[in-house]
C-alpha atoms as a PDB file:
ATOM      1  CA  MET A   1       1.024   2.131  10.360  1.00  0.00           C
ATOM      2  CA  ALA A   2       2.823  -1.166  11.562  1.00  0.00           C
ATOM      3  CA  SER A   3       1.704  -1.145  14.872  1.00  0.00           C
ATOM      4  CA  MET A   4      -1.730  -0.450  13.554  1.00  0.00           C
ATOM      5  CA  ILE A   5      -1.138  -3.649  11.681  1.00  0.00           C
ATOM      6  CA  GLN A   6       0.065  -5.418  14.419  1.00  0.00           C
ATOM      7  CA  GLU A   7      -2.844  -4.497  16.626  1.00  0.00           C
ATOM      8  CA  LEU A   8      -5.410  -5.565  13.889  1.00  0.00           C
ATOM      9  CA  GLY A   9      -3.834  -8.909  14.544  1.00  0.00           C
ATOM     10  CA  HIS A  10      -1.494  -9.251  11.640  1.00  0.00           C
ATOM     11  CA  LYS A  11       2.221  -9.331  11.350  1.00  0.00           C
ATOM     12  CA  SER A  12       4.116  -6.259   9.912  1.00  0.00           C
ATOM     13  CA  ILE A  13       6.916  -6.761   8.244  1.00  0.00           C
ATOM     14  CA  ILE A  14       7.725  -3.506   6.756  1.00  0.00           C
ATOM     15  CA  VAL A  15       5.736  -0.435   5.841  1.00  0.00           C
ATOM     16  CA  ASN A  16       6.979   2.212   3.615  1.00  0.00           C
ATOM     17  CA  GLY A  17       5.982   4.862   0.932  1.00  0.00           C
ATOM     18  CA  VAL A  18       6.258   8.235  -0.949  1.00  0.00           C
ATOM     19  CA  ALA A  19       4.213  10.958  -1.267  1.00  0.00           C
ATOM     20  CA  ASP A  20       1.118   8.987  -3.312  1.00  0.00           C
ATOM     21  CA  HIS A  21       1.149   5.604  -1.896  1.00  0.00           C
ATOM     22  CA  VAL A  22       2.359   2.898   0.640  1.00  0.00           C
ATOM     23  CA  HIS A  23       3.582  -0.245   0.709  1.00  0.00           C
ATOM     24  CA  CYS A  24       2.696  -2.700   3.413  1.00  0.00           C
ATOM     25  CA  LEU A  25       4.461  -6.173   3.646  1.00  0.00           C
ATOM     26  CA  VAL A  26       2.232  -7.913   5.840  1.00  0.00           C
ATOM     27  CA  GLY A  27       1.756 -11.861   7.170  1.00  0.00           C
ATOM     28  CA  LEU A  28      -1.866 -12.106   7.098  1.00  0.00           C
ATOM     29  CA  ASN A  29      -3.529 -13.794   9.954  1.00  0.00           C
ATOM     30  CA  PRO A  30      -5.449 -16.486   8.339  1.00  0.00           C
ATOM     31  CA  ASP A  31      -8.674 -15.996  10.462  1.00  0.00           C
ATOM     32  CA  LYS A  32      -8.947 -12.314   9.186  1.00  0.00           C
ATOM     33  CA  THR A  33      -9.704 -10.974   5.632  1.00  0.00           C
ATOM     34  CA  ILE A  34      -7.414  -8.391   3.663  1.00  0.00           C
ATOM     35  CA  SER A  35     -10.212  -6.271   2.947  1.00  0.00           C
ATOM     36  CA  ASP A  36     -11.202  -5.868   6.596  1.00  0.00           C
ATOM     37  CA  LEU A  37      -7.451  -5.113   7.130  1.00  0.00           C
ATOM     38  CA  VAL A  38      -7.221  -2.550   4.555  1.00  0.00           C
ATOM     39  CA  GLU A  39     -10.434  -1.024   5.607  1.00  0.00           C
ATOM     40  CA  LYS A  40      -9.648  -0.807   9.361  1.00  0.00           C
ATOM     41  CA  LEU A  41      -5.859   0.239   8.275  1.00  0.00           C
ATOM     42  CA  LYS A  42      -7.224   2.946   6.041  1.00  0.00           C
ATOM     43  CA  THR A  43      -9.666   4.263   8.712  1.00  0.00           C
ATOM     44  CA  SER A  44      -7.423   4.186  11.771  1.00  0.00           C
ATOM     45  CA  SER A  45      -4.359   5.881   9.819  1.00  0.00           C
ATOM     46  CA  ASN A  46      -6.620   8.709   8.385  1.00  0.00           C
ATOM     47  CA  HIS A  47      -7.849   9.322  11.896  1.00  0.00           C
ATOM     48  CA  PHE A  48      -4.508   9.362  13.506  1.00  0.00           C
ATOM     49  CA  LEU A  49      -3.152  11.555  10.838  1.00  0.00           C
ATOM     50  CA  LYS A  50      -5.980  14.379  11.437  1.00  0.00           C
ATOM     51  CA  ASP A  51      -5.854  14.065  15.150  1.00  0.00           C
ATOM     52  CA  LYS A  52      -2.018  14.561  15.141  1.00  0.00           C
ATOM     53  CA  LYS A  53      -2.675  17.567  12.619  1.00  0.00           C
ATOM     54  CA  TRP A  54       0.582  16.354  10.596  1.00  0.00           C
ATOM     55  CA  SER A  55      -0.883  17.757   7.525  1.00  0.00           C
ATOM     56  CA  ASP A  56      -2.038  21.115   6.325  1.00  0.00           C
ATOM     57  CA  ALA A  57      -4.031  19.679   3.662  1.00  0.00           C
ATOM     58  CA  SER A  58      -7.262  17.722   4.046  1.00  0.00           C
ATOM     59  CA  PHE A  59      -5.905  14.239   4.041  1.00  0.00           C
ATOM     60  CA  SER A  60      -7.780  11.025   2.696  1.00  0.00           C
ATOM     61  CA  TRP A  61      -7.289   7.883   1.392  1.00  0.00           C
ATOM     62  CA  GLN A  62      -8.571   7.094  -2.448  1.00  0.00           C
ATOM     63  CA  ARG A  63     -10.910   4.120  -2.972  1.00  0.00           C
ATOM     64  CA  GLY A  64      -9.474   1.048  -3.648  1.00  0.00           C
ATOM     65  CA  TYR A  65      -6.163  -0.797  -2.915  1.00  0.00           C
ATOM     66  CA  GLY A  66      -3.960  -3.466  -4.429  1.00  0.00           C
ATOM     67  CA  VAL A  67      -2.849  -6.575  -3.008  1.00  0.00           C
ATOM     68  CA  PHE A  68      -0.483  -9.000  -4.371  1.00  0.00           C
ATOM     69  CA  SER A  69       0.990 -12.400  -2.789  1.00  0.00           C
ATOM     70  CA  TYR A  70       4.203 -13.452  -2.548  1.00  0.00           C
ATOM     71  CA  SER A  71       6.098 -16.716  -1.328  1.00  0.00           C
ATOM     72  CA  LYS A  72       8.434 -16.943   1.487  1.00  0.00           C
ATOM     73  CA  SER A  73      11.168 -17.427  -1.022  1.00  0.00           C
ATOM     74  CA  HIS A  74      10.453 -13.805  -2.250  1.00  0.00           C
ATOM     75  CA  MET A  75      10.452 -11.929   0.858  1.00  0.00           C
ATOM     76  CA  ASP A  76      13.780 -10.474   0.944  1.00  0.00           C
ATOM     77  CA  ARG A  77      13.433  -9.259  -2.519  1.00  0.00           C
ATOM     78  CA  VAL A  78       9.844  -7.530  -1.576  1.00  0.00           C
ATOM     79  CA  TYR A  79      11.383  -6.185   1.773  1.00  0.00           C
ATOM     80  CA  GLN A  80      14.122  -4.532  -0.137  1.00  0.00           C
ATOM     81  CA  TYR A  81      11.893  -3.022  -2.826  1.00  0.00           C
ATOM     82  CA  ILE A  82       9.613  -1.733  -0.166  1.00  0.00           C
ATOM     83  CA  LEU A  83      12.819  -0.244   1.696  1.00  0.00           C
ATOM     84  CA  ASN A  84      13.630   1.484  -1.537  1.00  0.00           C
ATOM     85  CA  GLN A  85      10.436   3.133  -2.465  1.00  0.00           C
ATOM     86  CA  GLU A  86      11.834   6.540  -2.673  1.00  0.00           C
ATOM     87  CA  SER A  87      14.791   5.825  -5.156  1.00  0.00           C
ATOM     88  CA  HIS A  88      12.711   3.089  -6.792  1.00  0.00           C
ATOM     89  CA  HIS A  89      10.213   6.132  -7.734  1.00  0.00           C
ATOM     90  CA  GLU A  90      12.655   8.452  -8.953  1.00  0.00           C
ATOM     91  CA  LYS A  91      13.171   6.263 -12.111  1.00  0.00           C
ATOM     92  CA  MET A  92       9.407   5.185 -12.214  1.00  0.00           C
ATOM     93  CA  SER A  93       6.115   6.703 -11.602  1.00  0.00           C
ATOM     94  CA  PHE A  94       3.400   4.956  -9.197  1.00  0.00           C
ATOM     95  CA  LYS A  95       0.958   4.579 -12.040  1.00  0.00           C
ATOM     96  CA  ALA A  96       4.036   2.436 -14.012  1.00  0.00           C
ATOM     97  CA  GLU A  97       4.580   0.508 -11.024  1.00  0.00           C
ATOM     98  CA  TYR A  98       1.044  -0.174 -10.497  1.00  0.00           C
ATOM     99  CA  THR A  99       0.096  -1.248 -14.049  1.00  0.00           C
ATOM    100  CA  GLY A 100       3.217  -2.991 -14.115  1.00  0.00           C
ATOM    101  CA  LEU A 101       2.201  -5.469 -11.369  1.00  0.00           C
ATOM    102  CA  LEU A 102      -1.208  -5.837 -12.619  1.00  0.00           C
ATOM    103  CA  LYS A 103       0.433  -7.189 -15.625  1.00  0.00           C
ATOM    104  CA  LYS A 104       3.087  -9.293 -13.914  1.00  0.00           C
ATOM    105  CA  PHE A 105       0.368 -10.991 -11.895  1.00  0.00           C
ATOM    106  CA  GLU A 106      -1.963 -11.350 -15.121  1.00  0.00           C
ATOM    107  CA  ILE A 107      -4.843  -9.397 -13.512  1.00  0.00           C
ATOM    108  CA  GLU A 108      -6.818  -7.763 -16.325  1.00  0.00           C
ATOM    109  CA  PHE A 109      -7.643  -4.184 -15.942  1.00  0.00           C
ATOM    110  CA  LYS A 110      -9.248  -1.155 -17.261  1.00  0.00           C
ATOM    111  CA  ASP A 111      -7.615   2.537 -16.891  1.00  0.00           C
ATOM    112  CA  GLU A 112     -11.008   3.705 -16.099  1.00  0.00           C
ATOM    113  CA  TYR A 113     -11.416   1.485 -13.218  1.00  0.00           C
ATOM    114  CA  LEU A 114      -8.078   2.200 -11.563  1.00  0.00           C
ATOM    115  CA  PHE A 115      -7.600   5.176  -8.933  1.00  0.00           C
ATOM    116  CA  GLU A 116      -6.522   8.179  -9.739  1.00  0.00           C
ATOM    117  CA  PHE A 117      -2.785   8.743  -9.759  1.00  0.00           C
ATOM    118  CA  LEU A 118      -0.882  11.972  -9.182  1.00  0.00           C
ATOM    119  CA  ASP A 119       0.777  12.141 -12.667  1.00  0.00           C
ATOM    120  CA  ASP A 120      -2.770  12.238 -14.149  1.00  0.00           C
ATOM    121  CA  VAL A 121      -4.151  14.836 -12.045  1.00  0.00           C
END
């Protein structure tokens, strides 16, 4: 995904994830939109995984995504957070993480409009 981000004209800083989600820290090209990046990244990675047949299960991304903006002074902290996703999610579910971020950034939301979480299925 890091190389796909670069091919789409952005700077990939770190990409890491676990079974039910991925975090990408990206230096966004100001001439391009976040929504376009996410759409093309989901499409490209979906085709890549299907072409490589790396999963026995049928893979597809869920609709929707979350984007949070950080200042340059927070880069090291966000980088370390993304780097340590596996150990982080031994203590906290993705749903708790995501809704916590929405609250931290004061983004109003309704549970029924969030995407499905593995812990809910």
